[in-house]
Amino acid sequence: MGKLVNLNKFRKRKARVEKERQTETNRRLHGRTKAERAQDLLRKRKLETQVDGARLEPPKEPEE
């Protein structure tokens, strides 16, 4: 006689594995620490100030 398998447990285990796989994908795509985000923001601001400082003429104000 063959081994009995509880299909509910099988389905739950399969769903749990799939959820973990999706979670890992999301972590890789979106997961950054607060320090990493702050460092990127600091780099962006520093680059903007360098670019603004290198302008030959001041930016024109938009007319209304």
PDB file of N, CA and C in Angstrom:
ATOM      1  N   MET A   1       0.846  -1.173   0.000  1.00  0.00           N
ATOM      2  CA  MET A   1       0.000   0.000   0.000  1.00  0.00           C
ATOM      3  C   MET A   1       0.897   1.244   0.000  1.00  0.00           C
ATOM      4  N   GLY A   2       0.471   2.269  -0.715  1.00  0.00           N
ATOM      5  CA  GLY A   2       1.260   3.489  -0.835  1.00  0.00           C
ATOM      6  C   GLY A   2       1.159   4.365   0.404  1.00  0.00           C
ATOM      7  N   LYS A   3       2.034   5.331   0.458  1.00  0.00           N
ATOM      8  CA  LYS A   3       2.074   6.257   1.595  1.00  0.00           C
ATOM      9  C   LYS A   3       0.962   7.295   1.452  1.00  0.00           C
ATOM     10  N   LEU A   4       0.245   7.533   2.532  1.00  0.00           N
ATOM     11  CA  LEU A   4      -0.816   8.529   2.515  1.00  0.00           C
ATOM     12  C   LEU A   4      -0.220   9.923   2.650  1.00  0.00           C
ATOM     13  N   VAL A   5      -0.774  10.868   1.888  1.00  0.00           N
ATOM     14  CA  VAL A   5      -0.284  12.242   1.905  1.00  0.00           C
ATOM     15  C   VAL A   5      -1.456  13.157   2.233  1.00  0.00           C
ATOM     16  N   ASN A   6      -1.264  14.024   3.212  1.00  0.00           N
ATOM     17  CA  ASN A   6      -2.280  14.998   3.551  1.00  0.00           C
ATOM     18  C   ASN A   6      -2.139  16.171   2.583  1.00  0.00           C
ATOM     19  N   LEU A   7      -3.116  16.326   1.708  1.00  0.00           N
ATOM     20  CA  LEU A   7      -3.042  17.350   0.670  1.00  0.00           C
ATOM     21  C   LEU A   7      -3.078  18.758   1.242  1.00  0.00           C
ATOM     22  N   ASN A   8      -3.765  18.966   2.348  1.00  0.00           N
ATOM     23  CA  ASN A   8      -3.803  20.303   2.963  1.00  0.00           C
ATOM     24  C   ASN A   8      -2.410  20.728   3.411  1.00  0.00           C
ATOM     25  N   LYS A   9      -1.689  19.822   4.044  1.00  0.00           N
ATOM     26  CA  LYS A   9      -0.322  20.140   4.477  1.00  0.00           C
ATOM     27  C   LYS A   9       0.577  20.399   3.274  1.00  0.00           C
ATOM     28  N   PHE A  10       0.391  19.605   2.224  1.00  0.00           N
ATOM     29  CA  PHE A  10       1.183  19.773   1.014  1.00  0.00           C
ATOM     30  C   PHE A  10       0.938  21.148   0.389  1.00  0.00           C
ATOM     31  N   ARG A  11      -0.334  21.542   0.290  1.00  0.00           N
ATOM     32  CA  ARG A  11      -0.677  22.848  -0.285  1.00  0.00           C
ATOM     33  C   ARG A  11      -0.120  23.986   0.557  1.00  0.00           C
ATOM     34  N   LYS A  12      -0.260  23.882   1.859  1.00  0.00           N
ATOM     35  CA  LYS A  12       0.247  24.932   2.752  1.00  0.00           C
ATOM     36  C   LYS A  12       1.759  25.060   2.652  1.00  0.00           C
ATOM     37  N   ARG A  13       2.441  23.926   2.596  1.00  0.00           N
ATOM     38  CA  ARG A  13       3.901  23.958   2.482  1.00  0.00           C
ATOM     39  C   ARG A  13       4.315  24.583   1.151  1.00  0.00           C
ATOM     40  N   LYS A  14       3.615  24.238   0.081  1.00  0.00           N
ATOM     41  CA  LYS A  14       3.916  24.801  -1.229  1.00  0.00           C
ATOM     42  C   LYS A  14       3.675  26.310  -1.227  1.00  0.00           C
ATOM     43  N   ALA A  15       2.583  26.766  -0.624  1.00  0.00           N
ATOM     44  CA  ALA A  15       2.280  28.195  -0.555  1.00  0.00           C
ATOM     45  C   ALA A  15       3.329  28.922   0.274  1.00  0.00           C
ATOM     46  N   ARG A  16       3.778  28.316   1.369  1.00  0.00           N
ATOM     47  CA  ARG A  16       4.783  28.935   2.235  1.00  0.00           C
ATOM     48  C   ARG A  16       6.114  29.094   1.493  1.00  0.00           C
ATOM     49  N   VAL A  17       6.497  28.088   0.729  1.00  0.00           N
ATOM     50  CA  VAL A  17       7.736  28.151  -0.043  1.00  0.00           C
ATOM     51  C   VAL A  17       7.633  29.239  -1.110  1.00  0.00           C
ATOM     52  N   GLU A  18       6.503  29.325  -1.783  1.00  0.00           N
ATOM     53  CA  GLU A  18       6.311  30.343  -2.815  1.00  0.00           C
ATOM     54  C   GLU A  18       6.323  31.742  -2.209  1.00  0.00           C
ATOM     55  N   LYS A  19       5.721  31.883  -1.052  1.00  0.00           N
ATOM     56  CA  LYS A  19       5.706  33.182  -0.375  1.00  0.00           C
ATOM     57  C   LYS A  19       7.129  33.594   0.020  1.00  0.00           C
ATOM     58  N   GLU A  20       7.910  32.659   0.516  1.00  0.00           N
ATOM     59  CA  GLU A  20       9.311  32.944   0.861  1.00  0.00           C
ATOM     60  C   GLU A  20      10.106  33.359  -0.367  1.00  0.00           C
ATOM     61  N   ARG A  21       9.864  32.701  -1.471  1.00  0.00           N
ATOM     62  CA  ARG A  21      10.554  33.028  -2.723  1.00  0.00           C
ATOM     63  C   ARG A  21      10.209  34.460  -3.151  1.00  0.00           C
ATOM     64  N   GLN A  22       8.922  34.820  -3.071  1.00  0.00           N
ATOM     65  CA  GLN A  22       8.492  36.170  -3.429  1.00  0.00           C
ATOM     66  C   GLN A  22       9.068  37.204  -2.459  1.00  0.00           C
ATOM     67  N   THR A  23       9.111  36.863  -1.187  1.00  0.00           N
ATOM     68  CA  THR A  23       9.669  37.762  -0.176  1.00  0.00           C
ATOM     69  C   THR A  23      11.136  38.034  -0.451  1.00  0.00           C
ATOM     70  N   GLU A  24      11.876  37.017  -0.795  1.00  0.00           N
ATOM     71  CA  GLU A  24      13.299  37.186  -1.091  1.00  0.00           C
ATOM     72  C   GLU A  24      13.492  38.084  -2.309  1.00  0.00           C
ATOM     73  N   THR A  25      12.655  37.910  -3.315  1.00  0.00           N
ATOM     74  CA  THR A  25      12.726  38.766  -4.503  1.00  0.00           C
ATOM     75  C   THR A  25      12.460  40.220  -4.127  1.00  0.00           C
ATOM     76  N   ASN A  26      11.448  40.455  -3.318  1.00  0.00           N
ATOM     77  CA  ASN A  26      11.123  41.818  -2.894  1.00  0.00           C
ATOM     78  C   ASN A  26      12.250  42.423  -2.067  1.00  0.00           C
ATOM     79  N   ARG A  27      12.871  41.621  -1.223  1.00  0.00           N
ATOM     80  CA  ARG A  27      13.987  42.122  -0.424  1.00  0.00           C
ATOM     81  C   ARG A  27      15.124  42.591  -1.329  1.00  0.00           C
ATOM     82  N   ARG A  28      15.395  41.828  -2.353  1.00  0.00           N
ATOM     83  CA  ARG A  28      16.481  42.200  -3.260  1.00  0.00           C
ATOM     84  C   ARG A  28      16.138  43.453  -4.059  1.00  0.00           C
ATOM     85  N   LEU A  29      14.871  43.602  -4.431  1.00  0.00           N
ATOM     86  CA  LEU A  29      14.471  44.752  -5.238  1.00  0.00           C
ATOM     87  C   LEU A  29      14.306  46.016  -4.413  1.00  0.00           C
ATOM     88  N   HIS A  30      13.704  45.908  -3.247  1.00  0.00           N
ATOM     89  CA  HIS A  30      13.306  47.091  -2.493  1.00  0.00           C
ATOM     90  C   HIS A  30      13.981  47.235  -1.137  1.00  0.00           C
ATOM     91  N   GLY A  31      14.632  46.230  -0.687  1.00  0.00           N
ATOM     92  CA  GLY A  31      15.144  46.239   0.674  1.00  0.00           C
ATOM     93  C   GLY A  31      16.478  46.935   0.799  1.00  0.00           C
ATOM     94  N   ARG A  32      16.458  48.113   1.371  1.00  0.00           N
ATOM     95  CA  ARG A  32      17.696  48.836   1.673  1.00  0.00           C
ATOM     96  C   ARG A  32      17.561  49.369   3.090  1.00  0.00           C
ATOM     97  N   THR A  33      18.667  49.437   3.769  1.00  0.00           N
ATOM     98  CA  THR A  33      18.629  49.926   5.133  1.00  0.00           C
ATOM     99  C   THR A  33      18.444  51.438   5.138  1.00  0.00           C
ATOM    100  N   LYS A  34      18.062  51.952   6.270  1.00  0.00           N
ATOM    101  CA  LYS A  34      17.874  53.391   6.417  1.00  0.00           C
ATOM    102  C   LYS A  34      19.189  54.130   6.167  1.00  0.00           C
ATOM    103  N   ALA A  35      20.291  53.555   6.603  1.00  0.00           N
ATOM    104  CA  ALA A  35      21.602  54.165   6.399  1.00  0.00           C
ATOM    105  C   ALA A  35      21.949  54.232   4.910  1.00  0.00           C
ATOM    106  N   GLU A  36      21.628  53.191   4.161  1.00  0.00           N
ATOM    107  CA  GLU A  36      21.896  53.200   2.720  1.00  0.00           C
ATOM    108  C   GLU A  36      21.070  54.269   2.016  1.00  0.00           C
ATOM    109  N   ARG A  37      19.801  54.403   2.398  1.00  0.00           N
ATOM    110  CA  ARG A  37      18.963  55.443   1.791  1.00  0.00           C
ATOM    111  C   ARG A  37      19.490  56.824   2.137  1.00  0.00           C
ATOM    112  N   ALA A  38      19.911  57.025   3.378  1.00  0.00           N
ATOM    113  CA  ALA A  38      20.447  58.324   3.795  1.00  0.00           C
ATOM    114  C   ALA A  38      21.736  58.643   3.046  1.00  0.00           C
ATOM    115  N   GLN A  39      22.580  57.656   2.852  1.00  0.00           N
ATOM    116  CA  GLN A  39      23.833  57.858   2.139  1.00  0.00           C
ATOM    117  C   GLN A  39      23.565  58.227   0.677  1.00  0.00           C
ATOM    118  N   ASP A  40      22.605  57.570   0.049  1.00  0.00           N
ATOM    119  CA  ASP A  40      22.257  57.898  -1.328  1.00  0.00           C
ATOM    120  C   ASP A  40      21.700  59.318  -1.433  1.00  0.00           C
ATOM    121  N   LEU A  41      20.885  59.718  -0.464  1.00  0.00           N
ATOM    122  CA  LEU A  41      20.334  61.070  -0.459  1.00  0.00           C
ATOM    123  C   LEU A  41      21.450  62.103  -0.304  1.00  0.00           C
ATOM    124  N   LEU A  42      22.408  61.818   0.558  1.00  0.00           N
ATOM    125  CA  LEU A  42      23.534  62.723   0.757  1.00  0.00           C
ATOM    126  C   LEU A  42      24.361  62.853  -0.524  1.00  0.00           C
ATOM    127  N   ARG A  43      24.616  61.744  -1.195  1.00  0.00           N
ATOM    128  CA  ARG A  43      25.355  61.778  -2.467  1.00  0.00           C
ATOM    129  C   ARG A  43      24.605  62.599  -3.512  1.00  0.00           C
ATOM    130  N   LYS A  44      23.291  62.417  -3.567  1.00  0.00           N
ATOM    131  CA  LYS A  44      22.476  63.140  -4.542  1.00  0.00           C
ATOM    132  C   LYS A  44      22.538  64.641  -4.283  1.00  0.00           C
ATOM    133  N   ARG A  45      22.388  65.042  -3.029  1.00  0.00           N
ATOM    134  CA  ARG A  45      22.438  66.462  -2.689  1.00  0.00           C
ATOM    135  C   ARG A  45      23.815  67.061  -2.985  1.00  0.00           C
ATOM    136  N   LYS A  46      24.869  66.313  -2.677  1.00  0.00           N
ATOM    137  CA  LYS A  46      26.225  66.792  -2.929  1.00  0.00           C
ATOM    138  C   LYS A  46      26.450  66.979  -4.430  1.00  0.00           C
ATOM    139  N   LEU A  47      25.993  66.041  -5.229  1.00  0.00           N
ATOM    140  CA  LEU A  47      26.133  66.140  -6.676  1.00  0.00           C
ATOM    141  C   LEU A  47      25.350  67.337  -7.213  1.00  0.00           C
ATOM    142  N   GLU A  48      24.148  67.555  -6.695  1.00  0.00           N
ATOM    143  CA  GLU A  48      23.343  68.695  -7.138  1.00  0.00           C
ATOM    144  C   GLU A  48      24.035  70.019  -6.824  1.00  0.00           C
ATOM    145  N   THR A  49      24.632  70.123  -5.638  1.00  0.00           N
ATOM    146  CA  THR A  49      25.313  71.366  -5.292  1.00  0.00           C
ATOM    147  C   THR A  49      26.547  71.571  -6.163  1.00  0.00           C
ATOM    148  N   GLN A  50      27.247  70.504  -6.502  1.00  0.00           N
ATOM    149  CA  GLN A  50      28.410  70.615  -7.378  1.00  0.00           C
ATOM    150  C   GLN A  50      27.986  71.079  -8.771  1.00  0.00           C
ATOM    151  N   VAL A  51      26.906  70.532  -9.269  1.00  0.00           N
ATOM    152  CA  VAL A  51      26.418  70.908 -10.595  1.00  0.00           C
ATOM    153  C   VAL A  51      25.935  72.355 -10.581  1.00  0.00           C
ATOM    154  N   ASP A  52      25.193  72.737  -9.550  1.00  0.00           N
ATOM    155  CA  ASP A  52      24.703  74.105  -9.451  1.00  0.00           C
ATOM    156  C   ASP A  52      25.855  75.092  -9.318  1.00  0.00           C
ATOM    157  N   GLY A  53      26.910  74.718  -8.633  1.00  0.00           N
ATOM    158  CA  GLY A  53      28.066  75.590  -8.466  1.00  0.00           C
ATOM    159  C   GLY A  53      28.864  75.749  -9.735  1.00  0.00           C
ATOM    160  N   ALA A  54      28.740  74.824 -10.662  1.00  0.00           N
ATOM    161  CA  ALA A  54      29.505  74.876 -11.901  1.00  0.00           C
ATOM    162  C   ALA A  54      28.754  75.588 -13.029  1.00  0.00           C
ATOM    163  N   ARG A  55      27.554  76.066 -12.755  1.00  0.00           N
ATOM    164  CA  ARG A  55      26.776  76.762 -13.792  1.00  0.00           C
ATOM    165  C   ARG A  55      27.454  78.078 -14.166  1.00  0.00           C
ATOM    166  N   LEU A  56      27.397  78.410 -15.433  1.00  0.00           N
ATOM    167  CA  LEU A  56      27.976  79.662 -15.903  1.00  0.00           C
ATOM    168  C   LEU A  56      27.021  80.832 -15.671  1.00  0.00           C
ATOM    169  N   GLU A  57      25.741  80.575 -15.769  1.00  0.00           N
ATOM    170  CA  GLU A  57      24.771  81.630 -15.506  1.00  0.00           C
ATOM    171  C   GLU A  57      23.686  81.056 -14.590  1.00  0.00           C
ATOM    172  N   PRO A  58      23.099  81.888 -13.751  1.00  0.00           N
ATOM    173  CA  PRO A  58      22.099  81.382 -12.815  1.00  0.00           C
ATOM    174  C   PRO A  58      20.878  80.857 -13.559  1.00  0.00           C
ATOM    175  N   PRO A  59      20.186  79.903 -12.963  1.00  0.00           N
ATOM    176  CA  PRO A  59      18.989  79.358 -13.627  1.00  0.00           C
ATOM    177  C   PRO A  59      17.910  80.430 -13.723  1.00  0.00           C
ATOM    178  N   LYS A  60      17.161  80.402 -14.818  1.00  0.00           N
ATOM    179  CA  LYS A  60      16.101  81.372 -15.036  1.00  0.00           C
ATOM    180  C   LYS A  60      14.882  80.976 -14.227  1.00  0.00           C
ATOM    181  N   GLU A  61      14.248  81.991 -13.659  1.00  0.00           N
ATOM    182  CA  GLU A  61      13.020  81.759 -12.891  1.00  0.00           C
ATOM    183  C   GLU A  61      11.878  81.583 -13.868  1.00  0.00           C
ATOM    184  N   PRO A  62      10.987  80.629 -13.600  1.00  0.00           N
ATOM    185  CA  PRO A  62       9.843  80.439 -14.505  1.00  0.00           C
ATOM    186  C   PRO A  62       8.896  81.630 -14.415  1.00  0.00           C
ATOM    187  N   GLU A  63       8.404  82.052 -15.577  1.00  0.00           N
ATOM    188  CA  GLU A  63       7.482  83.181 -15.620  1.00  0.00           C
ATOM    189  C   GLU A  63       6.071  82.680 -15.473  1.00  0.00           C
ATOM    190  N   GLU A  64       5.266  83.458 -14.773  1.00  0.00           N
ATOM    191  CA  GLU A  64       3.874  83.039 -14.582  1.00  0.00           C
ATOM    192  C   GLU A  64       2.947  83.751 -15.510  1.00  0.00           C
TER     193      GLU A  64
END
